Amino acid sequence: MQCRWSEGWGAYLRGPMDAEHPYAVPAHAQRLAGLPPALVLAGEDDPMRDEAVAYAKRLQDAGITVQTALIPATGWPASLEAPPHPCPCEAAVVDHLRAFLHAPEPAS
C-alpha cells in the first residue's frame, strides 16, 4: 500500500524491526538515566502528542531535567506539506527553545 509518508519512513527505517530500536523511537529506550536536559514539544493536534508527553514523564521519572509544552494546533498533517505563513506555532516554538537554551544548568 502506497501512502504519502511511506517514502520518508522508508528512508528513516530500513526495515520493520528498526521501528522498535530506541534510536528510532526514543520513548522505547530502557536506559534514560544520564541523558542531558530535554525539551519536549508536541502540537495540540499531533497524533503522537500523548506519546511525547509520556516520554517527557519517563525522562522526569529518570531524574532528567525536562521542559515540556503543547504548542498550538497547525492543521496536521496538511501543515507538513504546505505550512501556513506565518506558522501559528512558530512564536511558541521559538519562545520555548529560547527559554530552554537559556535555562540555568541543573544542580548536580
PDB file of N, CA and C in Angstrom:
ATOM      1  N   MET A   1       0.846  -1.170   0.000  1.00  0.00           N
ATOM      2  CA  MET A   1       0.000   0.000   0.000  1.00  0.00           C
ATOM      3  C   MET A   1       0.894   1.237   0.000  1.00  0.00           C
ATOM      4  N   GLN A   2       0.643   2.119  -0.884  1.00  0.00           N
ATOM      5  CA  GLN A   2       1.419   3.339  -1.013  1.00  0.00           C
ATOM      6  C   GLN A   2       0.724   4.468  -0.267  1.00  0.00           C
ATOM      7  N   CYS A   3       1.484   5.224   0.508  1.00  0.00           N
ATOM      8  CA  CYS A   3       0.920   6.410   1.135  1.00  0.00           C
ATOM      9  C   CYS A   3       1.942   7.532   1.053  1.00  0.00           C
ATOM     10  N   ARG A   4       1.500   8.741   1.310  1.00  0.00           N
ATOM     11  CA  ARG A   4       2.371   9.897   1.119  1.00  0.00           C
ATOM     12  C   ARG A   4       3.566   9.902   2.060  1.00  0.00           C
ATOM     13  N   TRP A   5       3.502   9.199   3.170  1.00  0.00           N
ATOM     14  CA  TRP A   5       4.597   9.234   4.136  1.00  0.00           C
ATOM     15  C   TRP A   5       5.527   8.019   4.018  1.00  0.00           C
ATOM     16  N   SER A   6       5.189   7.028   3.199  1.00  0.00           N
ATOM     17  CA  SER A   6       5.973   5.793   3.167  1.00  0.00           C
ATOM     18  C   SER A   6       7.404   6.003   2.697  1.00  0.00           C
ATOM     19  N   GLU A   7       7.620   6.883   1.742  1.00  0.00           N
ATOM     20  CA  GLU A   7       8.984   7.109   1.259  1.00  0.00           C
ATOM     21  C   GLU A   7       9.864   7.694   2.370  1.00  0.00           C
ATOM     22  N   GLY A   8       9.330   8.633   3.118  1.00  0.00           N
ATOM     23  CA  GLY A   8      10.083   9.208   4.232  1.00  0.00           C
ATOM     24  C   GLY A   8      10.398   8.182   5.298  1.00  0.00           C
ATOM     25  N   TRP A   9       9.397   7.385   5.666  1.00  0.00           N
ATOM     26  CA  TRP A   9       9.641   6.345   6.664  1.00  0.00           C
ATOM     27  C   TRP A   9      10.619   5.307   6.144  1.00  0.00           C
ATOM     28  N   GLY A  10      10.548   4.997   4.841  1.00  0.00           N
ATOM     29  CA  GLY A  10      11.477   4.033   4.251  1.00  0.00           C
ATOM     30  C   GLY A  10      12.914   4.512   4.332  1.00  0.00           C
ATOM     31  N   ALA A  11      13.133   5.818   4.209  1.00  0.00           N
ATOM     32  CA  ALA A  11      14.482   6.363   4.320  1.00  0.00           C
ATOM     33  C   ALA A  11      14.943   6.391   5.778  1.00  0.00           C
ATOM     34  N   TYR A  12      14.004   6.558   6.685  1.00  0.00           N
ATOM     35  CA  TYR A  12      14.321   6.657   8.109  1.00  0.00           C
ATOM     36  C   TYR A  12      14.521   5.279   8.732  1.00  0.00           C
ATOM     37  N   LEU A  13      13.675   4.326   8.364  1.00  0.00           N
ATOM     38  CA  LEU A  13      13.730   2.975   8.911  1.00  0.00           C
ATOM     39  C   LEU A  13      13.983   1.997   7.770  1.00  0.00           C
ATOM     40  N   ARG A  14      15.101   1.289   7.812  1.00  0.00           N
ATOM     41  CA  ARG A  14      15.435   0.362   6.731  1.00  0.00           C
ATOM     42  C   ARG A  14      14.520  -0.847   6.694  1.00  0.00           C
ATOM     43  N   GLY A  15      14.048  -1.267   7.862  1.00  0.00           N
ATOM     44  CA  GLY A  15      13.183  -2.439   7.916  1.00  0.00           C
ATOM     45  C   GLY A  15      12.233  -2.338   9.087  1.00  0.00           C
ATOM     46  N   PRO A  16      11.234  -3.224   9.139  1.00  0.00           N
ATOM     47  CA  PRO A  16      10.233  -3.158  10.199  1.00  0.00           C
ATOM     48  C   PRO A  16      10.816  -3.256  11.606  1.00  0.00           C
ATOM     49  N   MET A  17      11.870  -4.032  11.797  1.00  0.00           N
ATOM     50  CA  MET A  17      12.445  -4.179  13.135  1.00  0.00           C
ATOM     51  C   MET A  17      13.100  -2.889  13.620  1.00  0.00           C
ATOM     52  N   ASP A  18      13.527  -2.027  12.693  1.00  0.00           N
ATOM     53  CA  ASP A  18      14.127  -0.754  13.094  1.00  0.00           C
ATOM     54  C   ASP A  18      13.129   0.133  13.827  1.00  0.00           C
ATOM     55  N   ALA A  19      11.855  -0.087  13.616  1.00  0.00           N
ATOM     56  CA  ALA A  19      10.823   0.715  14.275  1.00  0.00           C
ATOM     57  C   ALA A  19      10.783   0.464  15.778  1.00  0.00           C
ATOM     58  N   GLU A  20      11.435  -0.589  16.246  1.00  0.00           N
ATOM     59  CA  GLU A  20      11.485  -0.883  17.674  1.00  0.00           C
ATOM     60  C   GLU A  20      12.766  -0.386  18.324  1.00  0.00           C
ATOM     61  N   HIS A  21      13.730   0.058  17.527  1.00  0.00           N
ATOM     62  CA  HIS A  21      15.017   0.491  18.073  1.00  0.00           C
ATOM     63  C   HIS A  21      14.859   1.840  18.773  1.00  0.00           C
ATOM     64  N   PRO A  22      15.475   1.997  19.958  1.00  0.00           N
ATOM     65  CA  PRO A  22      15.325   3.263  20.677  1.00  0.00           C
ATOM     66  C   PRO A  22      15.905   4.474  19.948  1.00  0.00           C
ATOM     67  N   TYR A  23      16.795   4.271  18.989  1.00  0.00           N
ATOM     68  CA  TYR A  23      17.278   5.416  18.208  1.00  0.00           C
ATOM     69  C   TYR A  23      16.168   5.940  17.294  1.00  0.00           C
ATOM     70  N   ALA A  24      15.292   5.050  16.859  1.00  0.00           N
ATOM     71  CA  ALA A  24      14.165   5.466  16.017  1.00  0.00           C
ATOM     72  C   ALA A  24      12.986   5.936  16.861  1.00  0.00           C
ATOM     73  N   VAL A  25      12.807   5.307  18.006  1.00  0.00           N
ATOM     74  CA  VAL A  25      11.691   5.630  18.890  1.00  0.00           C
ATOM     75  C   VAL A  25      12.257   5.802  20.303  1.00  0.00           C
ATOM     76  N   PRO A  26      12.749   7.000  20.619  1.00  0.00           N
ATOM     77  CA  PRO A  26      13.373   7.204  21.932  1.00  0.00           C
ATOM     78  C   PRO A  26      12.485   6.813  23.103  1.00  0.00           C
ATOM     79  N   ALA A  27      11.185   6.896  22.933  1.00  0.00           N
ATOM     80  CA  ALA A  27      10.282   6.525  24.026  1.00  0.00           C
ATOM     81  C   ALA A  27      10.396   5.043  24.374  1.00  0.00           C
ATOM     82  N   HIS A  28      10.963   4.240  23.497  1.00  0.00           N
ATOM     83  CA  HIS A  28      11.146   2.815  23.779  1.00  0.00           C
ATOM     84  C   HIS A  28      12.437   2.527  24.534  1.00  0.00           C
ATOM     85  N   ALA A  29      13.292   3.525  24.726  1.00  0.00           N
ATOM     86  CA  ALA A  29      14.567   3.313  25.408  1.00  0.00           C
ATOM     87  C   ALA A  29      14.331   2.835  26.835  1.00  0.00           C
ATOM     88  N   GLN A  30      15.119   1.885  27.252  1.00  0.00           N
ATOM     89  CA  GLN A  30      15.023   1.374  28.618  1.00  0.00           C
ATOM     90  C   GLN A  30      15.920   2.148  29.567  1.00  0.00           C
ATOM     91  N   ARG A  31      17.061   2.646  29.057  1.00  0.00           N
ATOM     92  CA  ARG A  31      18.020   3.362  29.892  1.00  0.00           C
ATOM     93  C   ARG A  31      17.923   4.853  29.603  1.00  0.00           C
ATOM     94  N   LEU A  32      17.372   5.592  30.529  1.00  0.00           N
ATOM     95  CA  LEU A  32      17.203   7.028  30.351  1.00  0.00           C
ATOM     96  C   LEU A  32      18.103   7.835  31.282  1.00  0.00           C
ATOM     97  N   ALA A  33      18.560   7.241  32.366  1.00  0.00           N
ATOM     98  CA  ALA A  33      19.399   7.957  33.325  1.00  0.00           C
ATOM     99  C   ALA A  33      20.665   8.459  32.642  1.00  0.00           C
ATOM    100  N   GLY A  34      21.077   9.654  33.013  1.00  0.00           N
ATOM    101  CA  GLY A  34      22.315  10.216  32.483  1.00  0.00           C
ATOM    102  C   GLY A  34      22.151  11.003  31.199  1.00  0.00           C
ATOM    103  N   LEU A  35      20.946  11.070  30.674  1.00  0.00           N
ATOM    104  CA  LEU A  35      20.728  11.861  29.464  1.00  0.00           C
ATOM    105  C   LEU A  35      20.789  13.350  29.807  1.00  0.00           C
ATOM    106  N   PRO A  36      21.111  14.180  28.828  1.00  0.00           N
ATOM    107  CA  PRO A  36      21.140  15.624  29.085  1.00  0.00           C
ATOM    108  C   PRO A  36      19.724  16.179  29.236  1.00  0.00           C
ATOM    109  N   PRO A  37      19.605  17.413  29.707  1.00  0.00           N
ATOM    110  CA  PRO A  37      18.281  18.031  29.794  1.00  0.00           C
ATOM    111  C   PRO A  37      17.573  17.964  28.440  1.00  0.00           C
ATOM    112  N   ALA A  38      16.260  17.901  28.499  1.00  0.00           N
ATOM    113  CA  ALA A  38      15.477  17.710  27.273  1.00  0.00           C
ATOM    114  C   ALA A  38      14.366  18.746  27.162  1.00  0.00           C
ATOM    115  N   LEU A  39      14.069  19.099  25.927  1.00  0.00           N
ATOM    116  CA  LEU A  39      12.918  19.925  25.587  1.00  0.00           C
ATOM    117  C   LEU A  39      11.997  19.054  24.756  1.00  0.00           C
ATOM    118  N   VAL A  40      10.784  18.845  25.218  1.00  0.00           N
ATOM    119  CA  VAL A  40       9.812  18.018  24.505  1.00  0.00           C
ATOM    120  C   VAL A  40       8.611  18.896  24.170  1.00  0.00           C
ATOM    121  N   LEU A  41       8.432  19.157  22.882  1.00  0.00           N
ATOM    122  CA  LEU A  41       7.293  19.934  22.407  1.00  0.00           C
ATOM    123  C   LEU A  41       6.420  19.039  21.549  1.00  0.00           C
ATOM    124  N   ALA A  42       5.140  19.207  21.672  1.00  0.00           N
ATOM    125  CA  ALA A  42       4.203  18.464  20.827  1.00  0.00           C
ATOM    126  C   ALA A  42       3.064  19.403  20.459  1.00  0.00           C
ATOM    127  N   GLY A  43       2.563  19.231  19.254  1.00  0.00           N
ATOM    128  CA  GLY A  43       1.427  20.030  18.820  1.00  0.00           C
ATOM    129  C   GLY A  43       0.144  19.510  19.438  1.00  0.00           C
ATOM    130  N   GLU A  44      -0.769  20.424  19.700  1.00  0.00           N
ATOM    131  CA  GLU A  44      -2.063  20.019  20.248  1.00  0.00           C
ATOM    132  C   GLU A  44      -2.770  19.014  19.353  1.00  0.00           C
ATOM    133  N   ASP A  45      -2.532  19.108  18.032  1.00  0.00           N
ATOM    134  CA  ASP A  45      -3.193  18.204  17.096  1.00  0.00           C
ATOM    135  C   ASP A  45      -2.251  17.121  16.563  1.00  0.00           C
ATOM    136  N   ASP A  46      -1.098  16.965  17.192  1.00  0.00           N
ATOM    137  CA  ASP A  46      -0.127  15.959  16.768  1.00  0.00           C
ATOM    138  C   ASP A  46      -0.639  14.572  17.144  1.00  0.00           C
ATOM    139  N   PRO A  47      -0.687  13.630  16.201  1.00  0.00           N
ATOM    140  CA  PRO A  47      -1.179  12.294  16.532  1.00  0.00           C
ATOM    141  C   PRO A  47      -0.268  11.564  17.527  1.00  0.00           C
ATOM    142  N   MET A  48       0.963  12.047  17.712  1.00  0.00           N
ATOM    143  CA  MET A  48       1.886  11.432  18.668  1.00  0.00           C
ATOM    144  C   MET A  48       2.002  12.260  19.951  1.00  0.00           C
ATOM    145  N   ARG A  49       1.074  13.180  20.168  1.00  0.00           N
ATOM    146  CA  ARG A  49       1.119  14.068  21.331  1.00  0.00           C
ATOM    147  C   ARG A  49       1.183  13.293  22.643  1.00  0.00           C
ATOM    148  N   ASP A  50       0.307  12.341  22.831  1.00  0.00           N
ATOM    149  CA  ASP A  50       0.268  11.610  24.095  1.00  0.00           C
ATOM    150  C   ASP A  50       1.562  10.842  24.329  1.00  0.00           C
ATOM    151  N   GLU A  51       2.146  10.301  23.267  1.00  0.00           N
ATOM    152  CA  GLU A  51       3.406   9.578  23.393  1.00  0.00           C
ATOM    153  C   GLU A  51       4.538  10.530  23.785  1.00  0.00           C
ATOM    154  N   ALA A  52       4.539  11.736  23.223  1.00  0.00           N
ATOM    155  CA  ALA A  52       5.568  12.723  23.566  1.00  0.00           C
ATOM    156  C   ALA A  52       5.461  13.119  25.035  1.00  0.00           C
ATOM    157  N   VAL A  53       4.245  13.346  25.501  1.00  0.00           N
ATOM    158  CA  VAL A  53       4.023  13.716  26.902  1.00  0.00           C
ATOM    159  C   VAL A  53       4.441  12.563  27.820  1.00  0.00           C
ATOM    160  N   ALA A  54       4.121  11.341  27.442  1.00  0.00           N
ATOM    161  CA  ALA A  54       4.507  10.170  28.249  1.00  0.00           C
ATOM    162  C   ALA A  54       6.025  10.021  28.289  1.00  0.00           C
ATOM    163  N   TYR A  55       6.699  10.287  27.168  1.00  0.00           N
ATOM    164  CA  TYR A  55       8.163  10.211  27.134  1.00  0.00           C
ATOM    165  C   TYR A  55       8.766  11.267  28.059  1.00  0.00           C
ATOM    166  N   ALA A  56       8.239  12.477  28.026  1.00  0.00           N
ATOM    167  CA  ALA A  56       8.730  13.529  28.918  1.00  0.00           C
ATOM    168  C   ALA A  56       8.574  13.108  30.379  1.00  0.00           C
ATOM    169  N   LYS A  57       7.460  12.472  30.697  1.00  0.00           N
ATOM    170  CA  LYS A  57       7.226  11.989  32.070  1.00  0.00           C
ATOM    171  C   LYS A  57       8.235  10.914  32.440  1.00  0.00           C
ATOM    172  N   ARG A  58       8.534  10.002  31.523  1.00  0.00           N
ATOM    173  CA  ARG A  58       9.537   8.962  31.787  1.00  0.00           C
ATOM    174  C   ARG A  58      10.903   9.581  32.025  1.00  0.00           C
ATOM    175  N   LEU A  59      11.246  10.614  31.241  1.00  0.00           N
ATOM    176  CA  LEU A  59      12.525  11.298  31.446  1.00  0.00           C
ATOM    177  C   LEU A  59      12.569  11.929  32.838  1.00  0.00           C
ATOM    178  N   GLN A  60      11.496  12.611  33.220  1.00  0.00           N
ATOM    179  CA  GLN A  60      11.441  13.222  34.551  1.00  0.00           C
ATOM    180  C   GLN A  60      11.576  12.165  35.638  1.00  0.00           C
ATOM    181  N   ASP A  61      10.882  11.055  35.484  1.00  0.00           N
ATOM    182  CA  ASP A  61      10.956   9.976  36.469  1.00  0.00           C
ATOM    183  C   ASP A  61      12.359   9.396  36.578  1.00  0.00           C
ATOM    184  N   ALA A  62      13.154   9.520  35.496  1.00  0.00           N
ATOM    185  CA  ALA A  62      14.538   9.028  35.496  1.00  0.00           C
ATOM    186  C   ALA A  62      15.505  10.086  36.024  1.00  0.00           C
ATOM    187  N   GLY A  63      14.960  11.236  36.453  1.00  0.00           N
ATOM    188  CA  GLY A  63      15.813  12.273  37.018  1.00  0.00           C
ATOM    189  C   GLY A  63      16.366  13.259  36.008  1.00  0.00           C
ATOM    190  N   ILE A  64      15.844  13.243  34.801  1.00  0.00           N
ATOM    191  CA  ILE A  64      16.306  14.158  33.754  1.00  0.00           C
ATOM    192  C   ILE A  64      15.521  15.460  33.861  1.00  0.00           C
ATOM    193  N   THR A  65      16.215  16.585  33.718  1.00  0.00           N
ATOM    194  CA  THR A  65      15.555  17.877  33.681  1.00  0.00           C
ATOM    195  C   THR A  65      14.826  17.984  32.345  1.00  0.00           C
ATOM    196  N   VAL A  66      13.515  18.215  32.398  1.00  0.00           N
ATOM    197  CA  VAL A  66      12.691  18.236  31.186  1.00  0.00           C
ATOM    198  C   VAL A  66      11.798  19.476  31.194  1.00  0.00           C
ATOM    199  N   GLN A  67      11.775  20.141  30.061  1.00  0.00           N
ATOM    200  CA  GLN A  67      10.779  21.181  29.829  1.00  0.00           C
ATOM    201  C   GLN A  67       9.855  20.622  28.755  1.00  0.00           C
ATOM    202  N   THR A  68       8.573  20.674  28.991  1.00  0.00           N
ATOM    203  CA  THR A  68       7.617  20.141  28.026  1.00  0.00           C
ATOM    204  C   THR A  68       6.452  21.104  27.869  1.00  0.00           C
ATOM    205  N   ALA A  69       5.910  21.159  26.673  1.00  0.00           N
ATOM    206  CA  ALA A  69       4.777  22.042  26.406  1.00  0.00           C
ATOM    207  C   ALA A  69       4.027  21.572  25.175  1.00  0.00           C
ATOM    208  N   LEU A  70       2.751  21.910  25.146  1.00  0.00           N
ATOM    209  CA  LEU A  70       1.951  21.712  23.947  1.00  0.00           C
ATOM    210  C   LEU A  70       1.920  23.035  23.201  1.00  0.00           C
ATOM    211  N   ILE A  71       2.113  22.963  21.892  1.00  0.00           N
ATOM    212  CA  ILE A  71       2.083  24.169  21.072  1.00  0.00           C
ATOM    213  C   ILE A  71       0.778  24.199  20.275  1.00  0.00           C
ATOM    214  N   PRO A  72       0.379  25.371  19.813  1.00  0.00           N
ATOM    215  CA  PRO A  72      -0.910  25.482  19.118  1.00  0.00           C
ATOM    216  C   PRO A  72      -1.025  24.541  17.918  1.00  0.00           C
ATOM    217  N   ALA A  73      -2.234  24.108  17.662  1.00  0.00           N
ATOM    218  CA  ALA A  73      -2.513  23.237  16.521  1.00  0.00           C
ATOM    219  C   ALA A  73      -2.169  23.952  15.213  1.00  0.00           C
ATOM    220  N   THR A  74      -1.665  23.183  14.248  1.00  0.00           N
ATOM    221  CA  THR A  74      -1.277  23.765  12.952  1.00  0.00           C
ATOM    222  C   THR A  74      -2.035  23.168  11.782  1.00  0.00           C
ATOM    223  N   GLY A  75      -2.951  22.250  12.050  1.00  0.00           N
ATOM    224  CA  GLY A  75      -3.689  21.633  10.952  1.00  0.00           C
ATOM    225  C   GLY A  75      -2.979  20.418  10.396  1.00  0.00           C
ATOM    226  N   TRP A  76      -2.453  19.592  11.289  1.00  0.00           N
ATOM    227  CA  TRP A  76      -1.730  18.391  10.892  1.00  0.00           C
ATOM    228  C   TRP A  76      -2.660  17.470  10.118  1.00  0.00           C
ATOM    229  N   PRO A  77      -2.212  16.741   9.104  1.00  0.00           N
ATOM    230  CA  PRO A  77      -0.874  16.677   8.527  1.00  0.00           C
ATOM    231  C   PRO A  77      -0.656  17.651   7.375  1.00  0.00           C
ATOM    232  N   ALA A  78      -1.685  18.352   6.955  1.00  0.00           N
ATOM    233  CA  ALA A  78      -1.542  19.255   5.814  1.00  0.00           C
ATOM    234  C   ALA A  78      -0.457  20.291   6.058  1.00  0.00           C
ATOM    235  N   SER A  79      -0.256  20.682   7.313  1.00  0.00           N
ATOM    236  CA  SER A  79       0.745  21.706   7.614  1.00  0.00           C
ATOM    237  C   SER A  79       2.160  21.223   7.335  1.00  0.00           C
ATOM    238  N   LEU A  80       2.368  19.905   7.264  1.00  0.00           N
ATOM    239  CA  LEU A  80       3.699  19.383   6.943  1.00  0.00           C
ATOM    240  C   LEU A  80       4.045  19.605   5.476  1.00  0.00           C
ATOM    241  N   GLU A  81       3.043  19.614   4.632  1.00  0.00           N
ATOM    242  CA  GLU A  81       3.280  19.783   3.199  1.00  0.00           C
ATOM    243  C   GLU A  81       3.311  21.247   2.786  1.00  0.00           C
ATOM    244  N   ALA A  82       2.434  22.026   3.344  1.00  0.00           N
ATOM    245  CA  ALA A  82       2.352  23.447   2.989  1.00  0.00           C
ATOM    246  C   ALA A  82       2.049  24.248   4.246  1.00  0.00           C
ATOM    247  N   PRO A  83       3.080  24.453   5.085  1.00  0.00           N
ATOM    248  CA  PRO A  83       2.816  25.159   6.330  1.00  0.00           C
ATOM    249  C   PRO A  83       2.321  26.575   6.076  1.00  0.00           C
ATOM    250  N   PRO A  84       1.364  27.010   6.862  1.00  0.00           N
ATOM    251  CA  PRO A  84       0.878  28.384   6.700  1.00  0.00           C
ATOM    252  C   PRO A  84       1.980  29.371   7.077  1.00  0.00           C
ATOM    253  N   HIS A  85       1.991  30.500   6.418  1.00  0.00           N
ATOM    254  CA  HIS A  85       2.983  31.535   6.724  1.00  0.00           C
ATOM    255  C   HIS A  85       2.271  32.776   7.205  1.00  0.00           C
ATOM    256  N   PRO A  86       2.550  33.280   8.364  1.00  0.00           N
ATOM    257  CA  PRO A  86       3.457  32.662   9.327  1.00  0.00           C
ATOM    258  C   PRO A  86       2.782  31.473  10.011  1.00  0.00           C
ATOM    259  N   CYS A  87       3.577  30.511  10.388  1.00  0.00           N
ATOM    260  CA  CYS A  87       3.051  29.327  11.067  1.00  0.00           C
ATOM    261  C   CYS A  87       2.539  29.755  12.443  1.00  0.00           C
ATOM    262  N   PRO A  88       1.330  29.358  12.820  1.00  0.00           N
ATOM    263  CA  PRO A  88       0.788  29.780  14.112  1.00  0.00           C
ATOM    264  C   PRO A  88       1.599  29.268  15.301  1.00  0.00           C
ATOM    265  N   CYS A  89       2.382  28.227  15.111  1.00  0.00           N
ATOM    266  CA  CYS A  89       3.153  27.676  16.227  1.00  0.00           C
ATOM    267  C   CYS A  89       4.567  28.250  16.300  1.00  0.00           C
ATOM    268  N   GLU A  90       4.984  28.988  15.293  1.00  0.00           N
ATOM    269  CA  GLU A  90       6.375  29.444  15.222  1.00  0.00           C
ATOM    270  C   GLU A  90       6.810  30.229  16.462  1.00  0.00           C
ATOM    271  N   ALA A  91       6.041  31.204  16.870  1.00  0.00           N
ATOM    272  CA  ALA A  91       6.420  32.023  18.017  1.00  0.00           C
ATOM    273  C   ALA A  91       6.516  31.176  19.286  1.00  0.00           C
ATOM    274  N   ALA A  92       5.572  30.256  19.471  1.00  0.00           N
ATOM    275  CA  ALA A  92       5.602  29.403  20.658  1.00  0.00           C
ATOM    276  C   ALA A  92       6.838  28.508  20.664  1.00  0.00           C
ATOM    277  N   VAL A  93       7.171  27.921  19.519  1.00  0.00           N
ATOM    278  CA  VAL A  93       8.346  27.056  19.440  1.00  0.00           C
ATOM    279  C   VAL A  93       9.610  27.860  19.734  1.00  0.00           C
ATOM    280  N   VAL A  94       9.737  29.027  19.132  1.00  0.00           N
ATOM    281  CA  VAL A  94      10.920  29.875  19.354  1.00  0.00           C
ATOM    282  C   VAL A  94      11.019  30.259  20.827  1.00  0.00           C
ATOM    283  N   ASP A  95       9.903  30.643  21.433  1.00  0.00           N
ATOM    284  CA  ASP A  95       9.921  31.021  22.848  1.00  0.00           C
ATOM    285  C   ASP A  95      10.354  29.864  23.734  1.00  0.00           C
ATOM    286  N   HIS A  96       9.821  28.677  23.496  1.00  0.00           N
ATOM    287  CA  HIS A  96      10.203  27.507  24.302  1.00  0.00           C
ATOM    288  C   HIS A  96      11.667  27.139  24.076  1.00  0.00           C
ATOM    289  N   LEU A  97      12.112  27.190  22.847  1.00  0.00           N
ATOM    290  CA  LEU A  97      13.512  26.859  22.555  1.00  0.00           C
ATOM    291  C   LEU A  97      14.445  27.877  23.204  1.00  0.00           C
ATOM    292  N   ARG A  98      14.113  29.142  23.095  1.00  0.00           N
ATOM    293  CA  ARG A  98      14.942  30.197  23.710  1.00  0.00           C
ATOM    294  C   ARG A  98      15.023  29.988  25.228  1.00  0.00           C
ATOM    295  N   ALA A  99      13.894  29.729  25.869  1.00  0.00           N
ATOM    296  CA  ALA A  99      13.880  29.504  27.318  1.00  0.00           C
ATOM    297  C   ALA A  99      14.703  28.279  27.692  1.00  0.00           C
ATOM    298  N   PHE A 100      14.590  27.233  26.892  1.00  0.00           N
ATOM    299  CA  PHE A 100      15.333  26.004  27.157  1.00  0.00           C
ATOM    300  C   PHE A 100      16.841  26.232  27.040  1.00  0.00           C
ATOM    301  N   LEU A 101      17.258  26.914  25.991  1.00  0.00           N
ATOM    302  CA  LEU A 101      18.689  27.139  25.757  1.00  0.00           C
ATOM    303  C   LEU A 101      19.293  28.118  26.753  1.00  0.00           C
ATOM    304  N   HIS A 102      18.474  28.970  27.337  1.00  0.00           N
ATOM    305  CA  HIS A 102      18.990  29.959  28.295  1.00  0.00           C
ATOM    306  C   HIS A 102      18.686  29.578  29.748  1.00  0.00           C
ATOM    307  N   ALA A 103      18.146  28.404  29.963  1.00  0.00           N
ATOM    308  CA  ALA A 103      17.839  27.956  31.326  1.00  0.00           C
ATOM    309  C   ALA A 103      19.132  27.708  32.084  1.00  0.00           C
ATOM    310  N   PRO A 104      19.134  27.993  33.382  1.00  0.00           N
ATOM    311  CA  PRO A 104      20.331  27.694  34.175  1.00  0.00           C
ATOM    312  C   PRO A 104      20.595  26.189  34.204  1.00  0.00           C
ATOM    313  N   GLU A 105      21.861  25.833  34.314  1.00  0.00           N
ATOM    314  CA  GLU A 105      22.220  24.415  34.343  1.00  0.00           C
ATOM    315  C   GLU A 105      21.649  23.776  35.613  1.00  0.00           C
ATOM    316  N   PRO A 106      21.171  22.518  35.483  1.00  0.00           N
ATOM    317  CA  PRO A 106      20.621  21.849  36.669  1.00  0.00           C
ATOM    318  C   PRO A 106      21.733  21.584  37.696  1.00  0.00           C
ATOM    319  N   ALA A 107      21.363  21.661  38.966  1.00  0.00           N
ATOM    320  CA  ALA A 107      22.321  21.372  40.033  1.00  0.00           C
ATOM    321  C   ALA A 107      22.674  19.889  40.014  1.00  0.00           C
ATOM    322  N   SER A 108      23.927  19.582  40.281  1.00  0.00           N
ATOM    323  CA  SER A 108      24.362  18.181  40.280  1.00  0.00           C
ATOM    324  C   SER A 108      24.126  17.541  41.620  1.00  0.00           C
TER     325      SER A 108
END
